[in-house]
Amino acid sequence: MSEKKKFHLEYEIKSSPRILYSFLSESNGLTQWFADKVNVRDQVYTFTWDDEEQKAKLLLMKENKLVRFKWLDDDPQCYFEMEIVQDELTNDVALSITDFATEDIISERKQIWDNSVDYLISVLGA
């Protein structure tokens, strides 16, 4: 089995960190751009796409700043993280994504993030 590698993506988002955070951390926010359906129970988020479920445990949450999840069926060191980065001088807001994938699917995974975040931006009207 090939080794998963960490990769980073960053997207500029015209939104306040507080509004953006609700789309990253709350089930109704996540269902608007990330998955078809999201249920949360005891720090475990169940994401549904086309009737397929994937469960992720919430590892870390910093209000208006960051959420980190770990897929329950994934390698122990792998996670995915969505961090809100705000430039202190310009106040520009960016969404920084950290994820893991094997070499053969990294470009595919990046494409999925690109599409999802494009959709998030349209939902935010940003």
C-alpha atoms as a PDB file:
ATOM      1  CA  MET A   1       0.000   0.000   0.000  1.00  0.00           C
ATOM      2  CA  SER A   2       1.459   3.353  -0.920  1.00  0.00           C
ATOM      3  CA  GLU A   3       2.158   6.020   1.638  1.00  0.00           C
ATOM      4  CA  LYS A   4      -0.258   8.913   2.044  1.00  0.00           C
ATOM      5  CA  LYS A   5       1.260  12.347   1.704  1.00  0.00           C
ATOM      6  CA  LYS A   6       0.132  15.544   3.332  1.00  0.00           C
ATOM      7  CA  PHE A   7      -0.865  18.358   0.986  1.00  0.00           C
ATOM      8  CA  HIS A   8      -2.042  21.940   1.468  1.00  0.00           C
ATOM      9  CA  LEU A   9      -4.416  24.102  -0.518  1.00  0.00           C
ATOM     10  CA  GLU A  10      -5.367  27.695   0.074  1.00  0.00           C
ATOM     11  CA  TYR A  11      -8.332  29.638  -1.217  1.00  0.00           C
ATOM     12  CA  GLU A  12      -9.130  33.300  -0.835  1.00  0.00           C
ATOM     13  CA  ILE A  13     -12.631  33.738   0.539  1.00  0.00           C
ATOM     14  CA  LYS A  14     -14.463  36.997   0.892  1.00  0.00           C
ATOM     15  CA  SER A  15     -16.271  36.283   4.125  1.00  0.00           C
ATOM     16  CA  SER A  16     -15.929  37.026   7.796  1.00  0.00           C
ATOM     17  CA  PRO A  17     -14.180  34.272   9.785  1.00  0.00           C
ATOM     18  CA  ARG A  18     -17.290  33.908  11.952  1.00  0.00           C
ATOM     19  CA  ILE A  19     -19.616  33.231   9.007  1.00  0.00           C
ATOM     20  CA  LEU A  20     -17.097  30.990   7.262  1.00  0.00           C
ATOM     21  CA  TYR A  21     -16.542  29.006  10.480  1.00  0.00           C
ATOM     22  CA  SER A  22     -20.223  28.065  10.688  1.00  0.00           C
ATOM     23  CA  PHE A  23     -19.903  26.502   7.207  1.00  0.00           C
ATOM     24  CA  LEU A  24     -16.906  24.433   8.364  1.00  0.00           C
ATOM     25  CA  SER A  25     -18.147  23.298  11.764  1.00  0.00           C
ATOM     26  CA  GLU A  26     -21.941  23.040  11.773  1.00  0.00           C
ATOM     27  CA  SER A  27     -23.830  20.220  10.108  1.00  0.00           C
ATOM     28  CA  ASN A  28     -26.252  22.542   8.314  1.00  0.00           C
ATOM     29  CA  GLY A  29     -23.331  24.672   7.094  1.00  0.00           C
ATOM     30  CA  LEU A  30     -21.408  21.628   5.858  1.00  0.00           C
ATOM     31  CA  THR A  31     -24.454  20.256   4.012  1.00  0.00           C
ATOM     32  CA  GLN A  32     -24.586  23.416   1.942  1.00  0.00           C
ATOM     33  CA  TRP A  33     -21.256  22.753   0.253  1.00  0.00           C
ATOM     34  CA  PHE A  34     -19.309  19.748   1.547  1.00  0.00           C
ATOM     35  CA  ALA A  35     -21.675  16.772   1.637  1.00  0.00           C
ATOM     36  CA  ASP A  36     -25.265  15.901   0.747  1.00  0.00           C
ATOM     37  CA  LYS A  37     -26.077  15.215   4.376  1.00  0.00           C
ATOM     38  CA  VAL A  38     -24.196  15.661   7.661  1.00  0.00           C
ATOM     39  CA  ASN A  39     -25.144  14.270  11.051  1.00  0.00           C
ATOM     40  CA  VAL A  40     -23.208  14.946  14.228  1.00  0.00           C
ATOM     41  CA  ARG A  41     -23.236  12.781  17.318  1.00  0.00           C
ATOM     42  CA  ASP A  42     -20.658  12.706  20.122  1.00  0.00           C
ATOM     43  CA  GLN A  43     -17.955  14.463  18.076  1.00  0.00           C
ATOM     44  CA  VAL A  44     -18.471  12.031  15.182  1.00  0.00           C
ATOM     45  CA  TYR A  45     -19.659  13.564  11.938  1.00  0.00           C
ATOM     46  CA  THR A  46     -21.389  11.287   9.446  1.00  0.00           C
ATOM     47  CA  PHE A  47     -21.005  12.694   5.934  1.00  0.00           C
ATOM     48  CA  THR A  48     -23.238  11.317   3.188  1.00  0.00           C
ATOM     49  CA  TRP A  49     -22.619  11.598  -0.547  1.00  0.00           C
ATOM     50  CA  ASP A  50     -24.980   9.803  -2.962  1.00  0.00           C
ATOM     51  CA  ASP A  51     -26.193   7.455  -0.182  1.00  0.00           C
ATOM     52  CA  GLU A  52     -22.620   6.572   0.775  1.00  0.00           C
ATOM     53  CA  GLU A  53     -21.648   7.335   4.349  1.00  0.00           C
ATOM     54  CA  GLN A  54     -18.266   8.224   5.721  1.00  0.00           C
ATOM     55  CA  LYS A  55     -17.651   8.940   9.376  1.00  0.00           C
ATOM     56  CA  ALA A  56     -15.086  11.347  10.731  1.00  0.00           C
ATOM     57  CA  LYS A  57     -14.175  12.184  14.302  1.00  0.00           C
ATOM     58  CA  LEU A  58     -13.762  15.821  15.228  1.00  0.00           C
ATOM     59  CA  LEU A  59     -10.212  16.050  16.600  1.00  0.00           C
ATOM     60  CA  LEU A  60      -9.804  19.766  17.075  1.00  0.00           C
ATOM     61  CA  MET A  61     -11.982  22.829  16.989  1.00  0.00           C
ATOM     62  CA  LYS A  62     -10.956  26.437  17.519  1.00  0.00           C
ATOM     63  CA  GLU A  63     -13.790  28.883  17.260  1.00  0.00           C
ATOM     64  CA  ASN A  64     -13.736  31.015  14.090  1.00  0.00           C
ATOM     65  CA  LYS A  65     -10.338  29.517  13.269  1.00  0.00           C
ATOM     66  CA  LEU A  66     -10.057  25.820  12.590  1.00  0.00           C
ATOM     67  CA  VAL A  67     -11.662  22.377  12.448  1.00  0.00           C
ATOM     68  CA  ARG A  68      -9.747  19.117  12.135  1.00  0.00           C
ATOM     69  CA  PHE A  69     -11.371  15.773  11.355  1.00  0.00           C
ATOM     70  CA  LYS A  70     -10.086  12.236  11.083  1.00  0.00           C
ATOM     71  CA  TRP A  71     -11.848   9.684   8.891  1.00  0.00           C
ATOM     72  CA  LEU A  72     -12.580   6.682  11.112  1.00  0.00           C
ATOM     73  CA  ASP A  73     -11.404   4.216   8.457  1.00  0.00           C
ATOM     74  CA  ASP A  74      -8.212   6.129   7.604  1.00  0.00           C
ATOM     75  CA  ASP A  75      -4.574   5.760   8.661  1.00  0.00           C
ATOM     76  CA  PRO A  76      -3.971   6.941  12.251  1.00  0.00           C
ATOM     77  CA  GLN A  77      -1.712   9.845  11.252  1.00  0.00           C
ATOM     78  CA  CYS A  78      -4.063  11.155   8.550  1.00  0.00           C
ATOM     79  CA  TYR A  79      -6.642  13.876   9.032  1.00  0.00           C
ATOM     80  CA  PHE A  80      -8.191  16.731   7.134  1.00  0.00           C
ATOM     81  CA  GLU A  81      -8.212  20.235   8.421  1.00  0.00           C
ATOM     82  CA  MET A  82      -9.913  23.441   7.369  1.00  0.00           C
ATOM     83  CA  GLU A  83      -8.276  26.536   8.804  1.00  0.00           C
ATOM     84  CA  ILE A  84      -9.389  30.128   8.475  1.00  0.00           C
ATOM     85  CA  VAL A  85      -6.380  32.373   7.963  1.00  0.00           C
ATOM     86  CA  GLN A  86      -6.804  36.117   8.235  1.00  0.00           C
ATOM     87  CA  ASP A  87      -4.127  38.519   7.084  1.00  0.00           C
ATOM     88  CA  GLU A  88      -3.437  40.987   9.896  1.00  0.00           C
ATOM     89  CA  LEU A  89      -2.690  43.888   7.547  1.00  0.00           C
ATOM     90  CA  THR A  90      -5.299  43.491   4.836  1.00  0.00           C
ATOM     91  CA  ASN A  91      -7.884  41.475   6.808  1.00  0.00           C
ATOM     92  CA  ASP A  92      -8.152  39.205   3.752  1.00  0.00           C
ATOM     93  CA  VAL A  93      -9.566  35.824   4.681  1.00  0.00           C
ATOM     94  CA  ALA A  94      -8.304  32.567   3.244  1.00  0.00           C
ATOM     95  CA  LEU A  95      -9.370  28.985   3.764  1.00  0.00           C
ATOM     96  CA  SER A  96      -6.396  26.706   4.199  1.00  0.00           C
ATOM     97  CA  ILE A  97      -7.006  22.993   3.640  1.00  0.00           C
ATOM     98  CA  THR A  98      -4.687  20.248   4.848  1.00  0.00           C
ATOM     99  CA  ASP A  99      -5.429  16.721   3.683  1.00  0.00           C
ATOM    100  CA  PHE A 100      -3.696  13.413   2.996  1.00  0.00           C
ATOM    101  CA  ALA A 101      -3.800  11.238  -0.110  1.00  0.00           C
ATOM    102  CA  THR A 102      -1.662   8.718  -1.912  1.00  0.00           C
ATOM    103  CA  GLU A 103       0.455  10.034  -4.779  1.00  0.00           C
ATOM    104  CA  ASP A 104      -1.852   8.513  -7.393  1.00  0.00           C
ATOM    105  CA  ILE A 105      -4.967  10.346  -6.207  1.00  0.00           C
ATOM    106  CA  ILE A 106      -3.582  13.646  -4.887  1.00  0.00           C
ATOM    107  CA  SER A 107      -4.529  15.549  -8.046  1.00  0.00           C
ATOM    108  CA  GLU A 108      -8.016  14.030  -7.964  1.00  0.00           C
ATOM    109  CA  ARG A 109      -8.395  14.939  -4.281  1.00  0.00           C
ATOM    110  CA  LYS A 110      -7.233  18.500  -4.980  1.00  0.00           C
ATOM    111  CA  GLN A 111      -9.811  18.749  -7.766  1.00  0.00           C
ATOM    112  CA  ILE A 112     -12.538  17.651  -5.338  1.00  0.00           C
ATOM    113  CA  TRP A 113     -11.453  20.345  -2.859  1.00  0.00           C
ATOM    114  CA  ASP A 114     -11.301  22.946  -5.665  1.00  0.00           C
ATOM    115  CA  ASN A 115     -14.852  22.111  -6.714  1.00  0.00           C
ATOM    116  CA  SER A 116     -16.166  21.996  -3.150  1.00  0.00           C
ATOM    117  CA  VAL A 117     -14.584  25.314  -2.183  1.00  0.00           C
ATOM    118  CA  ASP A 118     -15.783  26.948  -5.425  1.00  0.00           C
ATOM    119  CA  TYR A 119     -19.230  25.829  -4.426  1.00  0.00           C
ATOM    120  CA  LEU A 120     -18.745  27.144  -0.873  1.00  0.00           C
ATOM    121  CA  ILE A 121     -17.711  30.523  -2.306  1.00  0.00           C
ATOM    122  CA  SER A 122     -20.881  30.651  -4.413  1.00  0.00           C
ATOM    123  CA  VAL A 123     -23.014  29.688  -1.405  1.00  0.00           C
ATOM    124  CA  LEU A 124     -21.369  32.456   0.637  1.00  0.00           C
ATOM    125  CA  GLY A 125     -21.992  34.840  -2.247  1.00  0.00           C
ATOM    126  CA  ALA A 126     -18.347  35.817  -1.857  1.00  0.00           C
END
